[in-house]
């Protein structure tokens, strides 16, 4: 037989767990997902401006995990323009256009901010 006894109060634990249930991760993620769209639009090299204005996002929740997916709907001849700019691409004449890393430099600080903001929200609960 196993017996577990407890004395005292679980008030602090219950308060913390209730605060975690009330924590609105969705609103934090929406705020920063939109900020990601803004910084990506500003950072996208412009020719016609279509790729820069084609950024969007979706937030997915799977079980205990959340993810933000940034999207770009500018597709030309079956190719995603944002990825062609980022990674480079071949040309019709056999040449190659070197990619420009414009996504990672603007998103890394945003990722750090998201982690910091959520951690502070958890600590404040």
PDB file of N, CA and C in Angstrom:
ATOM      1  N   UNK A   1       0.831  -1.164   0.000  1.00  0.00           N
ATOM      2  CA  UNK A   1       0.000   0.000   0.000  1.00  0.00           C
ATOM      3  C   UNK A   1       0.887   1.242   0.000  1.00  0.00           C
ATOM      4  N   UNK A   2       0.501   2.206  -0.829  1.00  0.00           N
ATOM      5  CA  UNK A   2       1.219   3.480  -0.885  1.00  0.00           C
ATOM      6  C   UNK A   2       0.286   4.559  -0.360  1.00  0.00           C
ATOM      7  N   UNK A   3       0.809   5.331   0.567  1.00  0.00           N
ATOM      8  CA  UNK A   3       0.015   6.412   1.142  1.00  0.00           C
ATOM      9  C   UNK A   3       0.761   7.721   0.927  1.00  0.00           C
ATOM     10  N   UNK A   4       0.019   8.719   0.453  1.00  0.00           N
ATOM     11  CA  UNK A   4       0.601  10.045   0.273  1.00  0.00           C
ATOM     12  C   UNK A   4      -0.164  11.002   1.162  1.00  0.00           C
ATOM     13  N   UNK A   5       0.580  11.722   1.968  1.00  0.00           N
ATOM     14  CA  UNK A   5      -0.040  12.700   2.852  1.00  0.00           C
ATOM     15  C   UNK A   5       0.534  14.065   2.535  1.00  0.00           C
ATOM     16  N   UNK A   6      -0.278  15.066   2.738  1.00  0.00           N
ATOM     17  CA  UNK A   6       0.164  16.435   2.502  1.00  0.00           C
ATOM     18  C   UNK A   6      -0.386  17.319   3.598  1.00  0.00           C
ATOM     19  N   UNK A   7       0.408  18.279   3.955  1.00  0.00           N
ATOM     20  CA  UNK A   7      -0.092  19.262   4.913  1.00  0.00           C
ATOM     21  C   UNK A   7       0.162  20.635   4.308  1.00  0.00           C
ATOM     22  N   UNK A   8      -0.578  21.574   4.762  1.00  0.00           N
ATOM     23  CA  UNK A   8      -0.411  22.913   4.221  1.00  0.00           C
ATOM     24  C   UNK A   8      -1.412  23.170   3.110  1.00  0.00           C
ATOM     25  N   UNK A   9      -1.105  24.163   2.330  1.00  0.00           N
ATOM     26  CA  UNK A   9      -2.044  24.618   1.315  1.00  0.00           C
ATOM     27  C   UNK A   9      -1.440  24.481  -0.077  1.00  0.00           C
ATOM     28  N   UNK A  10      -2.294  24.223  -1.024  1.00  0.00           N
ATOM     29  CA  UNK A  10      -1.885  24.201  -2.425  1.00  0.00           C
ATOM     30  C   UNK A  10      -2.289  25.508  -3.115  1.00  0.00           C
ATOM     31  N   UNK A  11      -2.560  26.540  -2.318  1.00  0.00           N
ATOM     32  CA  UNK A  11      -3.050  27.816  -2.848  1.00  0.00           C
ATOM     33  C   UNK A  11      -2.107  28.388  -3.906  1.00  0.00           C
ATOM     34  N   UNK A  12      -0.812  28.411  -3.642  1.00  0.00           N
ATOM     35  CA  UNK A  12       0.149  28.977  -4.606  1.00  0.00           C
ATOM     36  C   UNK A  12       0.177  28.162  -5.899  1.00  0.00           C
ATOM     37  N   UNK A  13       0.156  26.858  -5.762  1.00  0.00           N
ATOM     38  CA  UNK A  13       0.161  25.988  -6.942  1.00  0.00           C
ATOM     39  C   UNK A  13      -1.111  26.180  -7.744  1.00  0.00           C
ATOM     40  N   UNK A  14      -2.234  26.206  -7.069  1.00  0.00           N
ATOM     41  CA  UNK A  14      -3.509  26.406  -7.749  1.00  0.00           C
ATOM     42  C   UNK A  14      -3.566  27.772  -8.433  1.00  0.00           C
ATOM     43  N   UNK A  15      -3.071  28.795  -7.763  1.00  0.00           N
ATOM     44  CA  UNK A  15      -3.047  30.142  -8.353  1.00  0.00           C
ATOM     45  C   UNK A  15      -2.194  30.162  -9.615  1.00  0.00           C
ATOM     46  N   UNK A  16      -1.032  29.519  -9.546  1.00  0.00           N
ATOM     47  CA  UNK A  16      -0.150  29.474 -10.713  1.00  0.00           C
ATOM     48  C   UNK A  16      -0.813  28.732 -11.867  1.00  0.00           C
ATOM     49  N   UNK A  17      -1.395  27.579 -11.583  1.00  0.00           N
ATOM     50  CA  UNK A  17      -2.033  26.791 -12.640  1.00  0.00           C
ATOM     51  C   UNK A  17      -3.223  27.533 -13.244  1.00  0.00           C
ATOM     52  N   UNK A  18      -3.998  28.231 -12.440  1.00  0.00           N
ATOM     53  CA  UNK A  18      -5.113  29.023 -12.962  1.00  0.00           C
ATOM     54  C   UNK A  18      -4.614  30.170 -13.830  1.00  0.00           C
ATOM     55  N   UNK A  19      -3.511  30.779 -13.425  1.00  0.00           N
ATOM     56  CA  UNK A  19      -2.927  31.860 -14.228  1.00  0.00           C
ATOM     57  C   UNK A  19      -2.421  31.320 -15.563  1.00  0.00           C
ATOM     58  N   UNK A  20      -1.866  30.124 -15.565  1.00  0.00           N
ATOM     59  CA  UNK A  20      -1.386  29.525 -16.819  1.00  0.00           C
ATOM     60  C   UNK A  20      -2.567  29.225 -17.745  1.00  0.00           C
ATOM     61  N   UNK A  21      -3.689  28.797 -17.172  1.00  0.00           N
ATOM     62  CA  UNK A  21      -4.873  28.546 -17.986  1.00  0.00           C
ATOM     63  C   UNK A  21      -5.410  29.840 -18.608  1.00  0.00           C
ATOM     64  N   UNK A  22      -5.262  30.936 -17.887  1.00  0.00           N
ATOM     65  CA  UNK A  22      -5.773  32.223 -18.361  1.00  0.00           C
ATOM     66  C   UNK A  22      -4.795  32.930 -19.302  1.00  0.00           C
ATOM     67  N   UNK A  23      -3.564  32.459 -19.356  1.00  0.00           N
ATOM     68  CA  UNK A  23      -2.547  33.105 -20.201  1.00  0.00           C
ATOM     69  C   UNK A  23      -2.978  33.058 -21.662  1.00  0.00           C
ATOM     70  N   UNK A  24      -2.995  34.207 -22.286  1.00  0.00           N
ATOM     71  CA  UNK A  24      -3.481  34.315 -23.661  1.00  0.00           C
ATOM     72  C   UNK A  24      -2.302  34.314 -24.637  1.00  0.00           C
ATOM     73  N   UNK A  25      -1.793  33.135 -24.906  1.00  0.00           N
ATOM     74  CA  UNK A  25      -0.675  32.974 -25.843  1.00  0.00           C
ATOM     75  C   UNK A  25      -1.089  33.414 -27.239  1.00  0.00           C
ATOM     76  N   UNK A  26      -2.337  33.161 -27.611  1.00  0.00           N
ATOM     77  CA  UNK A  26      -2.818  33.505 -28.950  1.00  0.00           C
ATOM     78  C   UNK A  26      -2.626  34.984 -29.264  1.00  0.00           C
ATOM     79  N   UNK A  27      -2.983  35.855 -28.331  1.00  0.00           N
ATOM     80  CA  UNK A  27      -2.870  37.290 -28.616  1.00  0.00           C
ATOM     81  C   UNK A  27      -1.412  37.717 -28.736  1.00  0.00           C
ATOM     82  N   UNK A  28      -0.540  37.117 -27.953  1.00  0.00           N
ATOM     83  CA  UNK A  28       0.893  37.428 -28.060  1.00  0.00           C
ATOM     84  C   UNK A  28       1.400  36.986 -29.429  1.00  0.00           C
ATOM     85  N   UNK A  29       1.039  35.771 -29.827  1.00  0.00           N
ATOM     86  CA  UNK A  29       1.503  35.258 -31.119  1.00  0.00           C
ATOM     87  C   UNK A  29       0.934  36.068 -32.284  1.00  0.00           C
ATOM     88  N   UNK A  30      -0.333  36.476 -32.205  1.00  0.00           N
ATOM     89  CA  UNK A  30      -0.926  37.282 -33.275  1.00  0.00           C
ATOM     90  C   UNK A  30      -0.193  38.607 -33.429  1.00  0.00           C
ATOM     91  N   UNK A  31       0.109  39.227 -32.316  1.00  0.00           N
ATOM     92  CA  UNK A  31       0.822  40.506 -32.348  1.00  0.00           C
ATOM     93  C   UNK A  31       2.167  40.365 -33.062  1.00  0.00           C
ATOM     94  N   UNK A  32       2.921  39.348 -32.684  1.00  0.00           N
ATOM     95  CA  UNK A  32       4.254  39.193 -33.254  1.00  0.00           C
ATOM     96  C   UNK A  32       4.237  38.552 -34.635  1.00  0.00           C
ATOM     97  N   UNK A  33       3.198  37.793 -34.932  1.00  0.00           N
ATOM     98  CA  UNK A  33       3.059  37.269 -36.295  1.00  0.00           C
ATOM     99  C   UNK A  33       2.852  38.431 -37.259  1.00  0.00           C
ATOM    100  N   UNK A  34       2.015  39.388 -36.873  1.00  0.00           N
ATOM    101  CA  UNK A  34       1.804  40.568 -37.712  1.00  0.00           C
ATOM    102  C   UNK A  34       3.073  41.403 -37.796  1.00  0.00           C
ATOM    103  N   UNK A  35       3.798  41.498 -36.707  1.00  0.00           N
ATOM    104  CA  UNK A  35       5.080  42.217 -36.734  1.00  0.00           C
ATOM    105  C   UNK A  35       6.035  41.541 -37.711  1.00  0.00           C
ATOM    106  N   UNK A  36       6.015  40.221 -37.762  1.00  0.00           N
ATOM    107  CA  UNK A  36       6.836  39.492 -38.731  1.00  0.00           C
ATOM    108  C   UNK A  36       6.457  39.853 -40.153  1.00  0.00           C
ATOM    109  N   UNK A  37       5.162  39.945 -40.430  1.00  0.00           N
ATOM    110  CA  UNK A  37       4.700  40.357 -41.764  1.00  0.00           C
ATOM    111  C   UNK A  37       5.247  41.743 -42.087  1.00  0.00           C
ATOM    112  N   UNK A  38       5.185  42.648 -41.107  1.00  0.00           N
ATOM    113  CA  UNK A  38       5.657  44.020 -41.326  1.00  0.00           C
ATOM    114  C   UNK A  38       7.152  44.078 -41.629  1.00  0.00           C
ATOM    115  N   UNK A  39       7.966  43.355 -40.835  1.00  0.00           N
ATOM    116  CA  UNK A  39       9.412  43.423 -41.062  1.00  0.00           C
ATOM    117  C   UNK A  39       9.805  42.703 -42.344  1.00  0.00           C
ATOM    118  N   UNK A  40       9.108  41.626 -42.674  1.00  0.00           N
ATOM    119  CA  UNK A  40       9.397  40.936 -43.937  1.00  0.00           C
ATOM    120  C   UNK A  40       9.043  41.823 -45.128  1.00  0.00           C
ATOM    121  N   UNK A  41       7.913  42.525 -45.052  1.00  0.00           N
ATOM    122  CA  UNK A  41       7.512  43.418 -46.143  1.00  0.00           C
ATOM    123  C   UNK A  41       8.538  44.535 -46.335  1.00  0.00           C
ATOM    124  N   UNK A  42       9.042  45.075 -45.224  1.00  0.00           N
ATOM    125  CA  UNK A  42      10.041  46.150 -45.317  1.00  0.00           C
ATOM    126  C   UNK A  42      11.370  45.642 -45.862  1.00  0.00           C
ATOM    127  N   UNK A  43      11.722  44.403 -45.516  1.00  0.00           N
ATOM    128  CA  UNK A  43      13.034  43.868 -45.888  1.00  0.00           C
ATOM    129  C   UNK A  43      13.071  43.268 -47.286  1.00  0.00           C
ATOM    130  N   UNK A  44      11.919  42.928 -47.848  1.00  0.00           N
ATOM    131  CA  UNK A  44      11.887  42.265 -49.149  1.00  0.00           C
ATOM    132  C   UNK A  44      12.370  43.216 -50.239  1.00  0.00           C
ATOM    133  N   UNK A  45      13.401  42.805 -50.983  1.00  0.00           N
ATOM    134  CA  UNK A  45      13.857  43.643 -52.095  1.00  0.00           C
ATOM    135  C   UNK A  45      12.699  43.893 -53.064  1.00  0.00           C
ATOM    136  N   UNK A  46      12.625  45.093 -53.575  1.00  0.00           N
ATOM    137  CA  UNK A  46      11.484  45.480 -54.401  1.00  0.00           C
ATOM    138  C   UNK A  46      11.873  45.640 -55.857  1.00  0.00           C
ATOM    139  N   UNK A  47      11.095  44.982 -56.677  1.00  0.00           N
ATOM    140  CA  UNK A  47      11.141  45.235 -58.114  1.00  0.00           C
ATOM    141  C   UNK A  47       9.777  45.820 -58.442  1.00  0.00           C
ATOM    142  N   UNK A  48       8.778  44.989 -58.421  1.00  0.00           N
ATOM    143  CA  UNK A  48       7.413  45.489 -58.622  1.00  0.00           C
ATOM    144  C   UNK A  48       6.751  45.790 -57.282  1.00  0.00           C
ATOM    145  N   UNK A  49       7.277  45.231 -56.185  1.00  0.00           N
ATOM    146  CA  UNK A  49       6.675  45.401 -54.874  1.00  0.00           C
ATOM    147  C   UNK A  49       5.663  44.318 -54.536  1.00  0.00           C
ATOM    148  N   UNK A  50       5.373  43.444 -55.503  1.00  0.00           N
ATOM    149  CA  UNK A  50       4.361  42.415 -55.270  1.00  0.00           C
ATOM    150  C   UNK A  50       4.803  41.425 -54.186  1.00  0.00           C
ATOM    151  N   UNK A  51       6.039  40.977 -54.225  1.00  0.00           N
ATOM    152  CA  UNK A  51       6.511  40.023 -53.209  1.00  0.00           C
ATOM    153  C   UNK A  51       6.458  40.660 -51.823  1.00  0.00           C
ATOM    154  N   UNK A  52       6.829  41.919 -51.720  1.00  0.00           N
ATOM    155  CA  UNK A  52       6.831  42.602 -50.425  1.00  0.00           C
ATOM    156  C   UNK A  52       5.420  42.740 -49.858  1.00  0.00           C
ATOM    157  N   UNK A  53       4.447  42.943 -50.712  1.00  0.00           N
ATOM    158  CA  UNK A  53       3.077  43.132 -50.238  1.00  0.00           C
ATOM    159  C   UNK A  53       2.299  41.821 -50.131  1.00  0.00           C
ATOM    160  N   UNK A  54       2.946  40.701 -50.382  1.00  0.00           N
ATOM    161  CA  UNK A  54       2.255  39.406 -50.397  1.00  0.00           C
ATOM    162  C   UNK A  54       2.502  38.559 -49.157  1.00  0.00           C
ATOM    163  N   UNK A  55       3.080  39.142 -48.106  1.00  0.00           N
ATOM    164  CA  UNK A  55       3.344  38.380 -46.887  1.00  0.00           C
ATOM    165  C   UNK A  55       2.068  38.228 -46.062  1.00  0.00           C
ATOM    166  N   UNK A  56       1.945  37.090 -45.409  1.00  0.00           N
ATOM    167  CA  UNK A  56       0.840  36.810 -44.507  1.00  0.00           C
ATOM    168  C   UNK A  56       1.306  35.826 -43.450  1.00  0.00           C
ATOM    169  N   UNK A  57       0.409  35.390 -42.610  1.00  0.00           N
ATOM    170  CA  UNK A  57       0.779  34.410 -41.586  1.00  0.00           C
ATOM    171  C   UNK A  57      -0.426  33.567 -41.204  1.00  0.00           C
ATOM    172  N   UNK A  58      -0.134  32.438 -40.588  1.00  0.00           N
ATOM    173  CA  UNK A  58      -1.160  31.644 -39.922  1.00  0.00           C
ATOM    174  C   UNK A  58      -0.554  31.138 -38.616  1.00  0.00           C
ATOM    175  N   UNK A  59      -1.403  30.967 -37.638  1.00  0.00           N
ATOM    176  CA  UNK A  59      -0.966  30.430 -36.346  1.00  0.00           C
ATOM    177  C   UNK A  59      -1.623  29.074 -36.195  1.00  0.00           C
ATOM    178  N   UNK A  60      -0.796  28.081 -35.907  1.00  0.00           N
ATOM    179  CA  UNK A  60      -1.298  26.716 -35.776  1.00  0.00           C
ATOM    180  C   UNK A  60      -1.062  26.216 -34.352  1.00  0.00           C
ATOM    181  N   UNK A  61      -2.064  25.568 -33.796  1.00  0.00           N
ATOM    182  CA  UNK A  61      -1.934  24.942 -32.484  1.00  0.00           C
ATOM    183  C   UNK A  61      -2.155  23.456 -32.673  1.00  0.00           C
ATOM    184  N   UNK A  62      -1.174  22.684 -32.272  1.00  0.00           N
ATOM    185  CA  UNK A  62      -1.248  21.236 -32.353  1.00  0.00           C
ATOM    186  C   UNK A  62      -0.936  20.688 -30.969  1.00  0.00           C
ATOM    187  N   UNK A  63      -1.931  20.186 -30.306  1.00  0.00           N
ATOM    188  CA  UNK A  63      -1.717  19.676 -28.952  1.00  0.00           C
ATOM    189  C   UNK A  63      -1.250  20.795 -28.034  1.00  0.00           C
ATOM    190  N   UNK A  64      -0.065  20.627 -27.488  1.00  0.00           N
ATOM    191  CA  UNK A  64       0.503  21.616 -26.569  1.00  0.00           C
ATOM    192  C   UNK A  64       1.382  22.637 -27.272  1.00  0.00           C
ATOM    193  N   UNK A  65       1.492  22.548 -28.569  1.00  0.00           N
ATOM    194  CA  UNK A  65       2.473  23.367 -29.261  1.00  0.00           C
ATOM    195  C   UNK A  65       1.810  24.357 -30.212  1.00  0.00           C
ATOM    196  N   UNK A  66       2.427  25.506 -30.306  1.00  0.00           N
ATOM    197  CA  UNK A  66       1.989  26.559 -31.224  1.00  0.00           C
ATOM    198  C   UNK A  66       3.067  26.779 -32.262  1.00  0.00           C
ATOM    199  N   UNK A  67       2.668  27.220 -33.436  1.00  0.00           N
ATOM    200  CA  UNK A  67       3.654  27.635 -34.434  1.00  0.00           C
ATOM    201  C   UNK A  67       3.072  28.778 -35.254  1.00  0.00           C
ATOM    202  N   UNK A  68       3.966  29.654 -35.675  1.00  0.00           N
ATOM    203  CA  UNK A  68       3.599  30.729 -36.588  1.00  0.00           C
ATOM    204  C   UNK A  68       4.205  30.357 -37.932  1.00  0.00           C
ATOM    205  N   UNK A  69       3.396  30.404 -38.970  1.00  0.00           N
ATOM    206  CA  UNK A  69       3.871  30.124 -40.320  1.00  0.00           C
ATOM    207  C   UNK A  69       3.698  31.404 -41.129  1.00  0.00           C
ATOM    208  N   UNK A  70       4.810  31.968 -41.593  1.00  0.00           N
ATOM    209  CA  UNK A  70       4.753  33.136 -42.450  1.00  0.00           C
ATOM    210  C   UNK A  70       4.691  32.671 -43.887  1.00  0.00           C
ATOM    211  N   UNK A  71       3.823  33.277 -44.658  1.00  0.00           N
ATOM    212  CA  UNK A  71       3.605  32.872 -46.041  1.00  0.00           C
ATOM    213  C   UNK A  71       3.807  34.052 -46.977  1.00  0.00           C
ATOM    214  N   UNK A  72       4.083  33.729 -48.231  1.00  0.00           N
ATOM    215  CA  UNK A  72       4.149  34.756 -49.271  1.00  0.00           C
ATOM    216  C   UNK A  72       3.442  34.187 -50.488  1.00  0.00           C
ATOM    217  N   UNK A  73       2.439  34.901 -50.950  1.00  0.00           N
ATOM    218  CA  UNK A  73       1.583  34.385 -52.021  1.00  0.00           C
ATOM    219  C   UNK A  73       2.025  34.804 -53.422  1.00  0.00           C
ATOM    220  N   UNK A  74       3.170  35.489 -53.527  1.00  0.00           N
ATOM    221  CA  UNK A  74       3.646  35.899 -54.854  1.00  0.00           C
ATOM    222  C   UNK A  74       4.328  34.711 -55.530  1.00  0.00           C
ATOM    223  N   UNK A  75       3.659  34.147 -56.524  1.00  0.00           N
ATOM    224  CA  UNK A  75       4.182  33.005 -57.270  1.00  0.00           C
ATOM    225  C   UNK A  75       4.199  33.386 -58.746  1.00  0.00           C
ATOM    226  N   UNK A  76       5.347  33.224 -59.365  1.00  0.00           N
ATOM    227  CA  UNK A  76       5.488  33.517 -60.792  1.00  0.00           C
ATOM    228  C   UNK A  76       6.017  32.278 -61.502  1.00  0.00           C
ATOM    229  N   UNK A  77       5.326  31.880 -62.544  1.00  0.00           N
ATOM    230  CA  UNK A  77       5.693  30.693 -63.316  1.00  0.00           C
ATOM    231  C   UNK A  77       5.871  29.464 -62.422  1.00  0.00           C
ATOM    232  N   UNK A  78       5.049  29.360 -61.390  1.00  0.00           N
ATOM    233  CA  UNK A  78       5.099  28.210 -60.501  1.00  0.00           C
ATOM    234  C   UNK A  78       6.161  28.288 -59.410  1.00  0.00           C
ATOM    235  N   UNK A  79       6.900  29.394 -59.334  1.00  0.00           N
ATOM    236  CA  UNK A  79       7.967  29.523 -58.339  1.00  0.00           C
ATOM    237  C   UNK A  79       7.616  30.602 -57.323  1.00  0.00           C
ATOM    238  N   UNK A  80       7.934  30.327 -56.076  1.00  0.00           N
ATOM    239  CA  UNK A  80       7.696  31.286 -55.004  1.00  0.00           C
ATOM    240  C   UNK A  80       8.773  32.376 -55.081  1.00  0.00           C
ATOM    241  N   UNK A  81       8.349  33.577 -55.385  1.00  0.00           N
ATOM    242  CA  UNK A  81       9.274  34.689 -55.616  1.00  0.00           C
ATOM    243  C   UNK A  81      10.112  34.980 -54.372  1.00  0.00           C
ATOM    244  N   UNK A  82       9.495  34.964 -53.189  1.00  0.00           N
ATOM    245  CA  UNK A  82      10.238  35.257 -51.962  1.00  0.00           C
ATOM    246  C   UNK A  82      11.394  34.272 -51.773  1.00  0.00           C
ATOM    247  N   UNK A  83      11.177  33.011 -52.098  1.00  0.00           N
ATOM    248  CA  UNK A  83      12.234  32.007 -51.951  1.00  0.00           C
ATOM    249  C   UNK A  83      13.299  32.162 -53.045  1.00  0.00           C
ATOM    250  N   UNK A  84      12.876  32.571 -54.232  1.00  0.00           N
ATOM    251  CA  UNK A  84      13.858  32.804 -55.299  1.00  0.00           C
ATOM    252  C   UNK A  84      14.780  33.963 -54.924  1.00  0.00           C
ATOM    253  N   UNK A  85      14.220  34.997 -54.308  1.00  0.00           N
ATOM    254  CA  UNK A  85      15.051  36.121 -53.870  1.00  0.00           C
ATOM    255  C   UNK A  85      15.986  35.660 -52.755  1.00  0.00           C
ATOM    256  N   UNK A  86      15.476  34.890 -51.818  1.00  0.00           N
ATOM    257  CA  UNK A  86      16.262  34.439 -50.661  1.00  0.00           C
ATOM    258  C   UNK A  86      17.394  33.499 -51.061  1.00  0.00           C
ATOM    259  N   UNK A  87      17.076  32.509 -51.892  1.00  0.00           N
ATOM    260  CA  UNK A  87      18.045  31.451 -52.180  1.00  0.00           C
ATOM    261  C   UNK A  87      18.694  31.534 -53.554  1.00  0.00           C
ATOM    262  N   UNK A  88      18.207  32.420 -54.396  1.00  0.00           N
ATOM    263  CA  UNK A  88      18.749  32.519 -55.750  1.00  0.00           C
ATOM    264  C   UNK A  88      17.981  31.626 -56.698  1.00  0.00           C
ATOM    265  N   UNK A  89      18.255  31.814 -57.993  1.00  0.00           N
ATOM    266  CA  UNK A  89      17.540  31.027 -58.998  1.00  0.00           C
ATOM    267  C   UNK A  89      18.258  31.088 -60.340  1.00  0.00           C
ATOM    268  N   UNK A  90      17.982  30.087 -61.127  1.00  0.00           N
ATOM    269  CA  UNK A  90      18.517  30.058 -62.486  1.00  0.00           C
ATOM    270  C   UNK A  90      17.663  30.936 -63.398  1.00  0.00           C
ATOM    271  N   UNK A  91      18.264  31.340 -64.502  1.00  0.00           N
ATOM    272  CA  UNK A  91      17.535  32.155 -65.477  1.00  0.00           C
ATOM    273  C   UNK A  91      17.242  31.321 -66.720  1.00  0.00           C
ATOM    274  N   UNK A  92      16.391  31.845 -67.568  1.00  0.00           N
ATOM    275  CA  UNK A  92      16.045  31.138 -68.807  1.00  0.00           C
ATOM    276  C   UNK A  92      17.240  30.998 -69.740  1.00  0.00           C
ATOM    277  N   UNK A  93      18.200  31.900 -69.611  1.00  0.00           N
ATOM    278  CA  UNK A  93      19.358  31.881 -70.514  1.00  0.00           C
ATOM    279  C   UNK A  93      20.520  31.063 -69.948  1.00  0.00           C
ATOM    280  N   UNK A  94      20.269  30.361 -68.841  1.00  0.00           N
ATOM    281  CA  UNK A  94      21.315  29.510 -68.274  1.00  0.00           C
ATOM    282  C   UNK A  94      22.157  30.196 -67.216  1.00  0.00           C
ATOM    283  N   UNK A  95      21.857  31.427 -66.911  1.00  0.00           N
ATOM    284  CA  UNK A  95      22.594  32.143 -65.866  1.00  0.00           C
ATOM    285  C   UNK A  95      22.052  31.818 -64.490  1.00  0.00           C
ATOM    286  N   UNK A  96      22.599  32.474 -63.508  1.00  0.00           N
ATOM    287  CA  UNK A  96      22.182  32.277 -62.126  1.00  0.00           C
ATOM    288  C   UNK A  96      22.139  33.622 -61.422  1.00  0.00           C
ATOM    289  N   UNK A  97      21.065  33.873 -60.702  1.00  0.00           N
ATOM    290  CA  UNK A  97      20.942  35.072 -59.894  1.00  0.00           C
ATOM    291  C   UNK A  97      21.175  34.671 -58.445  1.00  0.00           C
ATOM    292  N   UNK A  98      22.214  35.250 -57.842  1.00  0.00           N
ATOM    293  CA  UNK A  98      22.590  34.956 -56.456  1.00  0.00           C
ATOM    294  C   UNK A  98      21.469  35.384 -55.505  1.00  0.00           C
ATOM    295  N   UNK A  99      21.208  34.565 -54.495  1.00  0.00           N
ATOM    296  CA  UNK A  99      20.192  34.888 -53.498  1.00  0.00           C
ATOM    297  C   UNK A  99      20.652  35.998 -52.568  1.00  0.00           C
ATOM    298  N   UNK A 100      19.688  36.623 -51.919  1.00  0.00           N
ATOM    299  CA  UNK A 100      19.943  37.674 -50.938  1.00  0.00           C
ATOM    300  C   UNK A 100      19.293  37.225 -49.634  1.00  0.00           C
ATOM    301  N   UNK A 101      20.096  37.058 -48.598  1.00  0.00           N
ATOM    302  CA  UNK A 101      19.533  36.637 -47.308  1.00  0.00           C
ATOM    303  C   UNK A 101      18.883  37.839 -46.633  1.00  0.00           C
ATOM    304  N   UNK A 102      17.636  38.069 -46.949  1.00  0.00           N
ATOM    305  CA  UNK A 102      16.912  39.191 -46.369  1.00  0.00           C
ATOM    306  C   UNK A 102      15.935  38.745 -45.285  1.00  0.00           C
ATOM    307  N   UNK A 103      15.655  37.457 -45.195  1.00  0.00           N
ATOM    308  CA  UNK A 103      14.681  36.958 -44.226  1.00  0.00           C
ATOM    309  C   UNK A 103      15.314  36.752 -42.844  1.00  0.00           C
ATOM    310  N   UNK A 104      16.393  35.995 -42.775  1.00  0.00           N
ATOM    311  CA  UNK A 104      16.991  35.653 -41.481  1.00  0.00           C
ATOM    312  C   UNK A 104      17.417  36.863 -40.654  1.00  0.00           C
ATOM    313  N   UNK A 105      18.057  37.869 -41.236  1.00  0.00           N
ATOM    314  CA  UNK A 105      18.483  39.011 -40.412  1.00  0.00           C
ATOM    315  C   UNK A 105      17.334  39.772 -39.739  1.00  0.00           C
ATOM    316  N   UNK A 106      16.170  39.819 -40.375  1.00  0.00           N
ATOM    317  CA  UNK A 106      15.057  40.545 -39.751  1.00  0.00           C
ATOM    318  C   UNK A 106      14.209  39.660 -38.845  1.00  0.00           C
ATOM    319  N   UNK A 107      14.232  38.359 -39.078  1.00  0.00           N
ATOM    320  CA  UNK A 107      13.398  37.468 -38.273  1.00  0.00           C
ATOM    321  C   UNK A 107      14.078  37.022 -36.979  1.00  0.00           C
ATOM    322  N   UNK A 108      15.399  36.884 -36.970  1.00  0.00           N
ATOM    323  CA  UNK A 108      16.095  36.435 -35.759  1.00  0.00           C
ATOM    324  C   UNK A 108      15.761  37.326 -34.554  1.00  0.00           C
ATOM    325  N   UNK A 109      15.853  38.661 -34.661  1.00  0.00           N
ATOM    326  CA  UNK A 109      15.487  39.485 -33.498  1.00  0.00           C
ATOM    327  C   UNK A 109      14.016  39.319 -33.100  1.00  0.00           C
ATOM    328  N   UNK A 110      13.149  39.111 -34.075  1.00  0.00           N
ATOM    329  CA  UNK A 110      11.739  38.910 -33.768  1.00  0.00           C
ATOM    330  C   UNK A 110      11.530  37.602 -33.015  1.00  0.00           C
ATOM    331  N   UNK A 111      12.218  36.536 -33.425  1.00  0.00           N
ATOM    332  CA  UNK A 111      12.118  35.260 -32.705  1.00  0.00           C
ATOM    333  C   UNK A 111      12.543  35.440 -31.249  1.00  0.00           C
ATOM    334  N   UNK A 112      13.654  36.148 -31.043  1.00  0.00           N
ATOM    335  CA  UNK A 112      14.143  36.386 -29.687  1.00  0.00           C
ATOM    336  C   UNK A 112      13.118  37.180 -28.872  1.00  0.00           C
ATOM    337  N   UNK A 113      12.479  38.154 -29.484  1.00  0.00           N
ATOM    338  CA  UNK A 113      11.470  38.963 -28.810  1.00  0.00           C
ATOM    339  C   UNK A 113      10.257  38.120 -28.431  1.00  0.00           C
ATOM    340  N   UNK A 114       9.817  37.248 -29.325  1.00  0.00           N
ATOM    341  CA  UNK A 114       8.669  36.387 -29.039  1.00  0.00           C
ATOM    342  C   UNK A 114       8.963  35.492 -27.836  1.00  0.00           C
ATOM    343  N   UNK A 115      10.125  34.860 -27.842  1.00  0.00           N
ATOM    344  CA  UNK A 115      10.501  33.981 -26.731  1.00  0.00           C
ATOM    345  C   UNK A 115      10.537  34.767 -25.426  1.00  0.00           C
ATOM    346  N   UNK A 116      11.141  35.948 -25.462  1.00  0.00           N
ATOM    347  CA  UNK A 116      11.250  36.786 -24.271  1.00  0.00           C
ATOM    348  C   UNK A 116       9.870  37.213 -23.767  1.00  0.00           C
ATOM    349  N   UNK A 117       9.005  37.631 -24.658  1.00  0.00           N
ATOM    350  CA  UNK A 117       7.668  38.100 -24.287  1.00  0.00           C
ATOM    351  C   UNK A 117       6.847  36.966 -23.658  1.00  0.00           C
ATOM    352  N   UNK A 118       6.895  35.794 -24.240  1.00  0.00           N
ATOM    353  CA  UNK A 118       6.129  34.674 -23.677  1.00  0.00           C
ATOM    354  C   UNK A 118       6.705  34.235 -22.343  1.00  0.00           C
ATOM    355  N   UNK A 119       8.025  34.206 -22.229  1.00  0.00           N
ATOM    356  CA  UNK A 119       8.651  33.826 -20.964  1.00  0.00           C
ATOM    357  C   UNK A 119       8.275  34.814 -19.866  1.00  0.00           C
ATOM    358  N   UNK A 120       8.266  36.108 -20.170  1.00  0.00           N
ATOM    359  CA  UNK A 120       7.874  37.115 -19.185  1.00  0.00           C
ATOM    360  C   UNK A 120       6.403  36.959 -18.795  1.00  0.00           C
ATOM    361  N   UNK A 121       5.557  36.603 -19.745  1.00  0.00           N
ATOM    362  CA  UNK A 121       4.140  36.387 -19.435  1.00  0.00           C
ATOM    363  C   UNK A 121       3.978  35.187 -18.501  1.00  0.00           C
ATOM    364  N   UNK A 122       4.756  34.144 -18.727  1.00  0.00           N
ATOM    365  CA  UNK A 122       4.698  32.960 -17.854  1.00  0.00           C
ATOM    366  C   UNK A 122       5.206  33.316 -16.462  1.00  0.00           C
ATOM    367  N   UNK A 123       6.300  34.051 -16.392  1.00  0.00           N
ATOM    368  CA  UNK A 123       6.859  34.433 -15.096  1.00  0.00           C
ATOM    369  C   UNK A 123       5.917  35.345 -14.315  1.00  0.00           C
ATOM    370  N   UNK A 124       5.186  36.190 -15.005  1.00  0.00           N
ATOM    371  CA  UNK A 124       4.282  37.134 -14.347  1.00  0.00           C
ATOM    372  C   UNK A 124       3.004  36.448 -13.851  1.00  0.00           C
ATOM    373  N   UNK A 125       2.755  35.251 -14.335  1.00  0.00           N
ATOM    374  CA  UNK A 125       1.504  34.564 -13.967  1.00  0.00           C
ATOM    375  C   UNK A 125       1.490  34.102 -12.533  1.00  0.00           C
TER     376      UNK A 125
END
